[in-house]
Amino acid sequence: MKLFLQILLIASSVLLVIAVLLHRGRGGGLSSLFGGGMQSSLAGSSVAEKNLDRITLLLGAIWLISIVGLGLLLKV
């Protein structure tokens, strides 16, 4: 179980960094490569940006659960 949580933590950390870097900043970002450029400035958030937000939140939750799980396992 400990090894599984460690692997999950490493994988979710890398994916979370990638997901955060894909977000659009003030002047556009890497998400504009996937069609979120001009459309998002004209009509609010695009579908790609909303899906990226959901994926980032899911990865953050997985990361948090793996941190808490590892903390509980190492405490005992």
PDB file of N, CA and C in Angstrom:
ATOM      1  N   MET A   1       0.823  -1.192   0.000  1.00  0.00           N
ATOM      2  CA  MET A   1       0.000   0.000   0.000  1.00  0.00           C
ATOM      3  C   MET A   1       0.873   1.263   0.000  1.00  0.00           C
ATOM      4  N   LYS A   2       1.962   1.191   0.761  1.00  0.00           N
ATOM      5  CA  LYS A   2       2.863   2.335   0.839  1.00  0.00           C
ATOM      6  C   LYS A   2       3.505   2.622  -0.516  1.00  0.00           C
ATOM      7  N   LEU A   3       3.928   1.575  -1.207  1.00  0.00           N
ATOM      8  CA  LEU A   3       4.543   1.741  -2.519  1.00  0.00           C
ATOM      9  C   LEU A   3       3.542   2.310  -3.526  1.00  0.00           C
ATOM     10  N   PHE A   4       2.301   1.834  -3.464  1.00  0.00           N
ATOM     11  CA  PHE A   4       1.255   2.338  -4.354  1.00  0.00           C
ATOM     12  C   PHE A   4       1.022   3.829  -4.137  1.00  0.00           C
ATOM     13  N   LEU A   5       0.953   4.246  -2.877  1.00  0.00           N
ATOM     14  CA  LEU A   5       0.737   5.661  -2.588  1.00  0.00           C
ATOM     15  C   LEU A   5       1.931   6.519  -2.998  1.00  0.00           C
ATOM     16  N   GLN A   6       3.132   5.982  -2.880  1.00  0.00           N
ATOM     17  CA  GLN A   6       4.312   6.726  -3.310  1.00  0.00           C
ATOM     18  C   GLN A   6       4.335   6.915  -4.824  1.00  0.00           C
ATOM     19  N   ILE A   7       3.993   5.863  -5.545  1.00  0.00           N
ATOM     20  CA  ILE A   7       3.928   5.962  -7.008  1.00  0.00           C
ATOM     21  C   ILE A   7       2.814   6.915  -7.426  1.00  0.00           C
ATOM     22  N   LEU A   8       1.668   6.834  -6.739  1.00  0.00           N
ATOM     23  CA  LEU A   8       0.551   7.732  -7.031  1.00  0.00           C
ATOM     24  C   LEU A   8       0.923   9.181  -6.752  1.00  0.00           C
ATOM     25  N   LEU A   9       1.675   9.405  -5.692  1.00  0.00           N
ATOM     26  CA  LEU A   9       2.106  10.760  -5.352  1.00  0.00           C
ATOM     27  C   LEU A   9       3.048  11.323  -6.418  1.00  0.00           C
ATOM     28  N   ILE A  10       3.994  10.543  -6.854  1.00  0.00           N
ATOM     29  CA  ILE A  10       4.943  11.014  -7.873  1.00  0.00           C
ATOM     30  C   ILE A  10       4.220  11.288  -9.192  1.00  0.00           C
ATOM     31  N   ALA A  11       3.359  10.368  -9.601  1.00  0.00           N
ATOM     32  CA  ALA A  11       2.639  10.543 -10.871  1.00  0.00           C
ATOM     33  C   ALA A  11       1.707  11.752 -10.814  1.00  0.00           C
ATOM     34  N   SER A  12       0.977  11.898  -9.711  1.00  0.00           N
ATOM     35  CA  SER A  12       0.053  13.031  -9.613  1.00  0.00           C
ATOM     36  C   SER A  12       0.808  14.351  -9.491  1.00  0.00           C
ATOM     37  N   SER A  13       1.979  14.346  -8.882  1.00  0.00           N
ATOM     38  CA  SER A  13       2.778  15.577  -8.786  1.00  0.00           C
ATOM     39  C   SER A  13       3.225  16.045 -10.164  1.00  0.00           C
ATOM     40  N   VAL A  14       3.730  15.128 -10.966  1.00  0.00           N
ATOM     41  CA  VAL A  14       4.186  15.488 -12.310  1.00  0.00           C
ATOM     42  C   VAL A  14       3.014  15.961 -13.169  1.00  0.00           C
ATOM     43  N   LEU A  15       1.911  15.239 -13.117  1.00  0.00           N
ATOM     44  CA  LEU A  15       0.746  15.625 -13.915  1.00  0.00           C
ATOM     45  C   LEU A  15       0.144  16.940 -13.445  1.00  0.00           C
ATOM     46  N   LEU A  16       0.205  17.204 -12.140  1.00  0.00           N
ATOM     47  CA  LEU A  16      -0.320  18.459 -11.615  1.00  0.00           C
ATOM     48  C   LEU A  16       0.525  19.644 -12.077  1.00  0.00           C
ATOM     49  N   VAL A  17       1.823  19.483 -12.107  1.00  0.00           N
ATOM     50  CA  VAL A  17       2.700  20.546 -12.606  1.00  0.00           C
ATOM     51  C   VAL A  17       2.398  20.825 -14.076  1.00  0.00           C
ATOM     52  N   ILE A  18       2.233  19.778 -14.856  1.00  0.00           N
ATOM     53  CA  ILE A  18       1.919  19.953 -16.282  1.00  0.00           C
ATOM     54  C   ILE A  18       0.569  20.640 -16.460  1.00  0.00           C
ATOM     55  N   ALA A  19      -0.430  20.236 -15.674  1.00  0.00           N
ATOM     56  CA  ALA A  19      -1.759  20.829 -15.791  1.00  0.00           C
ATOM     57  C   ALA A  19      -1.740  22.303 -15.406  1.00  0.00           C
ATOM     58  N   VAL A  20      -0.991  22.671 -14.380  1.00  0.00           N
ATOM     59  CA  VAL A  20      -0.916  24.074 -13.983  1.00  0.00           C
ATOM     60  C   VAL A  20      -0.205  24.900 -15.054  1.00  0.00           C
ATOM     61  N   LEU A  21       0.827  24.334 -15.657  1.00  0.00           N
ATOM     62  CA  LEU A  21       1.533  25.067 -16.707  1.00  0.00           C
ATOM     63  C   LEU A  21       0.685  25.252 -17.967  1.00  0.00           C
ATOM     64  N   LEU A  22      -0.293  24.394 -18.173  1.00  0.00           N
ATOM     65  CA  LEU A  22      -1.159  24.520 -19.347  1.00  0.00           C
ATOM     66  C   LEU A  22      -2.196  25.626 -19.201  1.00  0.00           C
ATOM     67  N   HIS A  23      -2.425  26.098 -17.990  1.00  0.00           N
ATOM     68  CA  HIS A  23      -3.438  27.130 -17.781  1.00  0.00           C
ATOM     69  C   HIS A  23      -3.028  28.438 -18.423  1.00  0.00           C
ATOM     70  N   ARG A  24      -4.050  29.186 -18.818  1.00  0.00           N
ATOM     71  CA  ARG A  24      -3.839  30.477 -19.457  1.00  0.00           C
ATOM     72  C   ARG A  24      -3.556  31.513 -18.381  1.00  0.00           C
ATOM     73  N   GLY A  25      -2.495  32.226 -18.540  1.00  0.00           N
ATOM     74  CA  GLY A  25      -2.161  33.297 -17.618  1.00  0.00           C
ATOM     75  C   GLY A  25      -2.732  34.607 -18.106  1.00  0.00           C
ATOM     76  N   ARG A  26      -2.109  35.697 -17.728  1.00  0.00           N
ATOM     77  CA  ARG A  26      -2.576  37.010 -18.150  1.00  0.00           C
ATOM     78  C   ARG A  26      -2.436  37.207 -19.656  1.00  0.00           C
ATOM     79  N   GLY A  27      -1.332  36.782 -20.208  1.00  0.00           N
ATOM     80  CA  GLY A  27      -1.085  37.023 -21.626  1.00  0.00           C
ATOM     81  C   GLY A  27      -1.257  35.795 -22.481  1.00  0.00           C
ATOM     82  N   GLY A  28      -2.103  34.862 -22.090  1.00  0.00           N
ATOM     83  CA  GLY A  28      -2.231  33.614 -22.816  1.00  0.00           C
ATOM     84  C   GLY A  28      -1.270  32.610 -22.241  1.00  0.00           C
ATOM     85  N   GLY A  29      -1.379  31.394 -22.628  1.00  0.00           N
ATOM     86  CA  GLY A  29      -0.488  30.383 -22.091  1.00  0.00           C
ATOM     87  C   GLY A  29      -0.395  29.209 -23.021  1.00  0.00           C
ATOM     88  N   LEU A  30       0.052  28.118 -22.470  1.00  0.00           N
ATOM     89  CA  LEU A  30       0.172  26.921 -23.286  1.00  0.00           C
ATOM     90  C   LEU A  30      -1.185  26.365 -23.679  1.00  0.00           C
ATOM     91  N   SER A  31      -2.244  26.730 -22.943  1.00  0.00           N
ATOM     92  CA  SER A  31      -3.574  26.234 -23.302  1.00  0.00           C
ATOM     93  C   SER A  31      -4.061  26.830 -24.618  1.00  0.00           C
ATOM     94  N   SER A  32      -3.493  27.942 -25.051  1.00  0.00           N
ATOM     95  CA  SER A  32      -3.898  28.518 -26.329  1.00  0.00           C
ATOM     96  C   SER A  32      -3.460  27.647 -27.500  1.00  0.00           C
ATOM     97  N   LEU A  33      -2.510  26.749 -27.253  1.00  0.00           N
ATOM     98  CA  LEU A  33      -2.100  25.816 -28.304  1.00  0.00           C
ATOM     99  C   LEU A  33      -3.221  24.839 -28.656  1.00  0.00           C
ATOM    100  N   PHE A  34      -4.121  24.605 -27.716  1.00  0.00           N
ATOM    101  CA  PHE A  34      -5.190  23.627 -27.915  1.00  0.00           C
ATOM    102  C   PHE A  34      -6.524  24.289 -28.220  1.00  0.00           C
ATOM    103  N   GLY A  35      -6.511  25.496 -28.743  1.00  0.00           N
ATOM    104  CA  GLY A  35      -7.744  26.135 -29.177  1.00  0.00           C
ATOM    105  C   GLY A  35      -8.371  27.046 -28.159  1.00  0.00           C
ATOM    106  N   GLY A  36      -7.703  27.412 -27.099  1.00  0.00           N
ATOM    107  CA  GLY A  36      -8.290  28.272 -26.088  1.00  0.00           C
ATOM    108  C   GLY A  36      -7.889  29.725 -26.226  1.00  0.00           C
ATOM    109  N   GLY A  37      -7.310  30.121 -27.354  1.00  0.00           N
ATOM    110  CA  GLY A  37      -6.765  31.464 -27.509  1.00  0.00           C
ATOM    111  C   GLY A  37      -7.810  32.549 -27.669  1.00  0.00           C
ATOM    112  N   MET A  38      -8.213  32.851 -28.891  1.00  0.00           N
ATOM    113  CA  MET A  38      -9.087  33.980 -29.163  1.00  0.00           C
ATOM    114  C   MET A  38     -10.512  33.723 -28.692  1.00  0.00           C
ATOM    115  N   GLN A  39     -10.979  32.517 -28.751  1.00  0.00           N
ATOM    116  CA  GLN A  39     -12.349  32.229 -28.363  1.00  0.00           C
ATOM    117  C   GLN A  39     -12.582  32.497 -26.895  1.00  0.00           C
ATOM    118  N   SER A  40     -11.598  32.188 -26.046  1.00  0.00           N
ATOM    119  CA  SER A  40     -11.801  32.377 -24.618  1.00  0.00           C
ATOM    120  C   SER A  40     -11.845  33.856 -24.251  1.00  0.00           C
ATOM    121  N   SER A  41     -11.169  34.714 -25.007  1.00  0.00           N
ATOM    122  CA  SER A  41     -11.204  36.137 -24.699  1.00  0.00           C
ATOM    123  C   SER A  41     -12.507  36.778 -25.180  1.00  0.00           C
ATOM    124  N   LEU A  42     -13.159  36.176 -26.145  1.00  0.00           N
ATOM    125  CA  LEU A  42     -14.394  36.740 -26.667  1.00  0.00           C
ATOM    126  C   LEU A  42     -15.629  36.239 -25.924  1.00  0.00           C
ATOM    127  N   ALA A  43     -15.632  35.006 -25.492  1.00  0.00           N
ATOM    128  CA  ALA A  43     -16.838  34.418 -24.917  1.00  0.00           C
ATOM    129  C   ALA A  43     -16.588  33.820 -23.543  1.00  0.00           C
ATOM    130  N   GLY A  44     -15.728  34.409 -22.746  1.00  0.00           N
ATOM    131  CA  GLY A  44     -15.467  33.868 -21.422  1.00  0.00           C
ATOM    132  C   GLY A  44     -14.553  32.661 -21.522  1.00  0.00           C
ATOM    133  N   SER A  45     -14.775  31.686 -20.654  1.00  0.00           N
ATOM    134  CA  SER A  45     -13.936  30.487 -20.653  1.00  0.00           C
ATOM    135  C   SER A  45     -14.402  29.505 -21.709  1.00  0.00           C
ATOM    136  N   SER A  46     -13.446  28.907 -22.392  1.00  0.00           N
ATOM    137  CA  SER A  46     -13.792  27.915 -23.404  1.00  0.00           C
ATOM    138  C   SER A  46     -14.006  26.565 -22.733  1.00  0.00           C
ATOM    139  N   VAL A  47     -14.484  25.635 -23.508  1.00  0.00           N
ATOM    140  CA  VAL A  47     -14.719  24.284 -22.997  1.00  0.00           C
ATOM    141  C   VAL A  47     -13.401  23.630 -22.616  1.00  0.00           C
ATOM    142  N   ALA A  48     -12.363  23.879 -23.407  1.00  0.00           N
ATOM    143  CA  ALA A  48     -11.050  23.302 -23.100  1.00  0.00           C
ATOM    144  C   ALA A  48     -10.515  23.830 -21.780  1.00  0.00           C
ATOM    145  N   GLU A  49     -10.715  25.105 -21.520  1.00  0.00           N
ATOM    146  CA  GLU A  49     -10.238  25.702 -20.269  1.00  0.00           C
ATOM    147  C   GLU A  49     -11.023  25.167 -19.069  1.00  0.00           C
ATOM    148  N   LYS A  50     -12.321  24.981 -19.245  1.00  0.00           N
ATOM    149  CA  LYS A  50     -13.135  24.422 -18.151  1.00  0.00           C
ATOM    150  C   LYS A  50     -12.733  22.984 -17.860  1.00  0.00           C
ATOM    151  N   ASN A  51     -12.492  22.207 -18.904  1.00  0.00           N
ATOM    152  CA  ASN A  51     -12.052  20.824 -18.698  1.00  0.00           C
ATOM    153  C   ASN A  51     -10.677  20.772 -18.051  1.00  0.00           C
ATOM    154  N   LEU A  52      -9.807  21.691 -18.429  1.00  0.00           N
ATOM    155  CA  LEU A  52      -8.483  21.762 -17.818  1.00  0.00           C
ATOM    156  C   LEU A  52      -8.595  22.125 -16.335  1.00  0.00           C
ATOM    157  N   ASP A  53      -9.535  22.996 -15.991  1.00  0.00           N
ATOM    158  CA  ASP A  53      -9.772  23.318 -14.584  1.00  0.00           C
ATOM    159  C   ASP A  53     -10.229  22.086 -13.808  1.00  0.00           C
ATOM    160  N   ARG A  54     -11.124  21.329 -14.392  1.00  0.00           N
ATOM    161  CA  ARG A  54     -11.628  20.115 -13.724  1.00  0.00           C
ATOM    162  C   ARG A  54     -10.525  19.077 -13.539  1.00  0.00           C
ATOM    163  N   ILE A  55      -9.714  18.908 -14.561  1.00  0.00           N
ATOM    164  CA  ILE A  55      -8.611  17.942 -14.479  1.00  0.00           C
ATOM    165  C   ILE A  55      -7.617  18.375 -13.406  1.00  0.00           C
ATOM    166  N   THR A  56      -7.339  19.676 -13.342  1.00  0.00           N
ATOM    167  CA  THR A  56      -6.404  20.183 -12.342  1.00  0.00           C
ATOM    168  C   THR A  56      -6.941  19.971 -10.936  1.00  0.00           C
ATOM    169  N   LEU A  57      -8.222  20.224 -10.735  1.00  0.00           N
ATOM    170  CA  LEU A  57      -8.821  19.990  -9.419  1.00  0.00           C
ATOM    171  C   LEU A  57      -8.804  18.510  -9.047  1.00  0.00           C
ATOM    172  N   LEU A  58      -9.068  17.645 -10.004  1.00  0.00           N
ATOM    173  CA  LEU A  58      -9.046  16.210  -9.745  1.00  0.00           C
ATOM    174  C   LEU A  58      -7.633  15.752  -9.381  1.00  0.00           C
ATOM    175  N   LEU A  59      -6.649  16.235 -10.112  1.00  0.00           N
ATOM    176  CA  LEU A  59      -5.259  15.874  -9.809  1.00  0.00           C
ATOM    177  C   LEU A  59      -4.836  16.416  -8.447  1.00  0.00           C
ATOM    178  N   GLY A  60      -5.298  17.610  -8.107  1.00  0.00           N
ATOM    179  CA  GLY A  60      -5.004  18.165  -6.792  1.00  0.00           C
ATOM    180  C   GLY A  60      -5.614  17.338  -5.672  1.00  0.00           C
ATOM    181  N   ALA A  61      -6.823  16.843  -5.890  1.00  0.00           N
ATOM    182  CA  ALA A  61      -7.473  16.001  -4.890  1.00  0.00           C
ATOM    183  C   ALA A  61      -6.748  14.660  -4.733  1.00  0.00           C
ATOM    184  N   ILE A  62      -6.335  14.082  -5.852  1.00  0.00           N
ATOM    185  CA  ILE A  62      -5.577  12.825  -5.799  1.00  0.00           C
ATOM    186  C   ILE A  62      -4.255  13.031  -5.075  1.00  0.00           C
ATOM    187  N   TRP A  63      -3.592  14.156  -5.355  1.00  0.00           N
ATOM    188  CA  TRP A  63      -2.327  14.472  -4.701  1.00  0.00           C
ATOM    189  C   TRP A  63      -2.518  14.621  -3.199  1.00  0.00           C
ATOM    190  N   LEU A  64      -3.578  15.326  -2.798  1.00  0.00           N
ATOM    191  CA  LEU A  64      -3.856  15.541  -1.381  1.00  0.00           C
ATOM    192  C   LEU A  64      -4.175  14.234  -0.669  1.00  0.00           C
ATOM    193  N   ILE A  65      -4.965  13.382  -1.287  1.00  0.00           N
ATOM    194  CA  ILE A  65      -5.318  12.094  -0.693  1.00  0.00           C
ATOM    195  C   ILE A  65      -4.080  11.217  -0.526  1.00  0.00           C
ATOM    196  N   SER A  66      -3.193  11.235  -1.524  1.00  0.00           N
ATOM    197  CA  SER A  66      -1.985  10.418  -1.410  1.00  0.00           C
ATOM    198  C   SER A  66      -1.051  10.958  -0.332  1.00  0.00           C
ATOM    199  N   ILE A  67      -0.979  12.278  -0.165  1.00  0.00           N
ATOM    200  CA  ILE A  67      -0.157  12.871   0.910  1.00  0.00           C
ATOM    201  C   ILE A  67      -0.699  12.475   2.276  1.00  0.00           C
ATOM    202  N   VAL A  68      -2.008  12.589   2.453  1.00  0.00           N
ATOM    203  CA  VAL A  68      -2.611  12.256   3.739  1.00  0.00           C
ATOM    204  C   VAL A  68      -2.467  10.760   4.012  1.00  0.00           C
ATOM    205  N   GLY A  69      -2.676   9.941   2.994  1.00  0.00           N
ATOM    206  CA  GLY A  69      -2.524   8.500   3.162  1.00  0.00           C
ATOM    207  C   GLY A  69      -1.106   8.092   3.543  1.00  0.00           C
ATOM    208  N   LEU A  70      -0.132   8.683   2.884  1.00  0.00           N
ATOM    209  CA  LEU A  70       1.254   8.396   3.229  1.00  0.00           C
ATOM    210  C   LEU A  70       1.592   8.885   4.632  1.00  0.00           C
ATOM    211  N   GLY A  71       1.066  10.028   4.998  1.00  0.00           N
ATOM    212  CA  GLY A  71       1.290  10.552   6.340  1.00  0.00           C
ATOM    213  C   GLY A  71       0.731   9.633   7.414  1.00  0.00           C
ATOM    214  N   LEU A  72      -0.452   9.116   7.149  1.00  0.00           N
ATOM    215  CA  LEU A  72      -1.069   8.195   8.124  1.00  0.00           C
ATOM    216  C   LEU A  72      -0.317   6.872   8.193  1.00  0.00           C
ATOM    217  N   LEU A  73       0.162   6.374   7.060  1.00  0.00           N
ATOM    218  CA  LEU A  73       0.898   5.122   7.051  1.00  0.00           C
ATOM    219  C   LEU A  73       2.274   5.259   7.726  1.00  0.00           C
ATOM    220  N   LEU A  74       2.920   6.370   7.533  1.00  0.00           N
ATOM    221  CA  LEU A  74       4.245   6.553   8.106  1.00  0.00           C
ATOM    222  C   LEU A  74       4.181   6.890   9.589  1.00  0.00           C
ATOM    223  N   LYS A  75       3.047   7.410  10.039  1.00  0.00           N
ATOM    224  CA  LYS A  75       2.890   7.754  11.458  1.00  0.00           C
ATOM    225  C   LYS A  75       2.759   6.513  12.313  1.00  0.00           C
ATOM    226  N   VAL A  76       2.147   5.479  11.766  1.00  0.00           N
ATOM    227  CA  VAL A  76       1.890   4.251  12.523  1.00  0.00           C
ATOM    228  C   VAL A  76       3.107   3.377  12.615  1.00  0.00           C
TER     229      VAL A  76
END
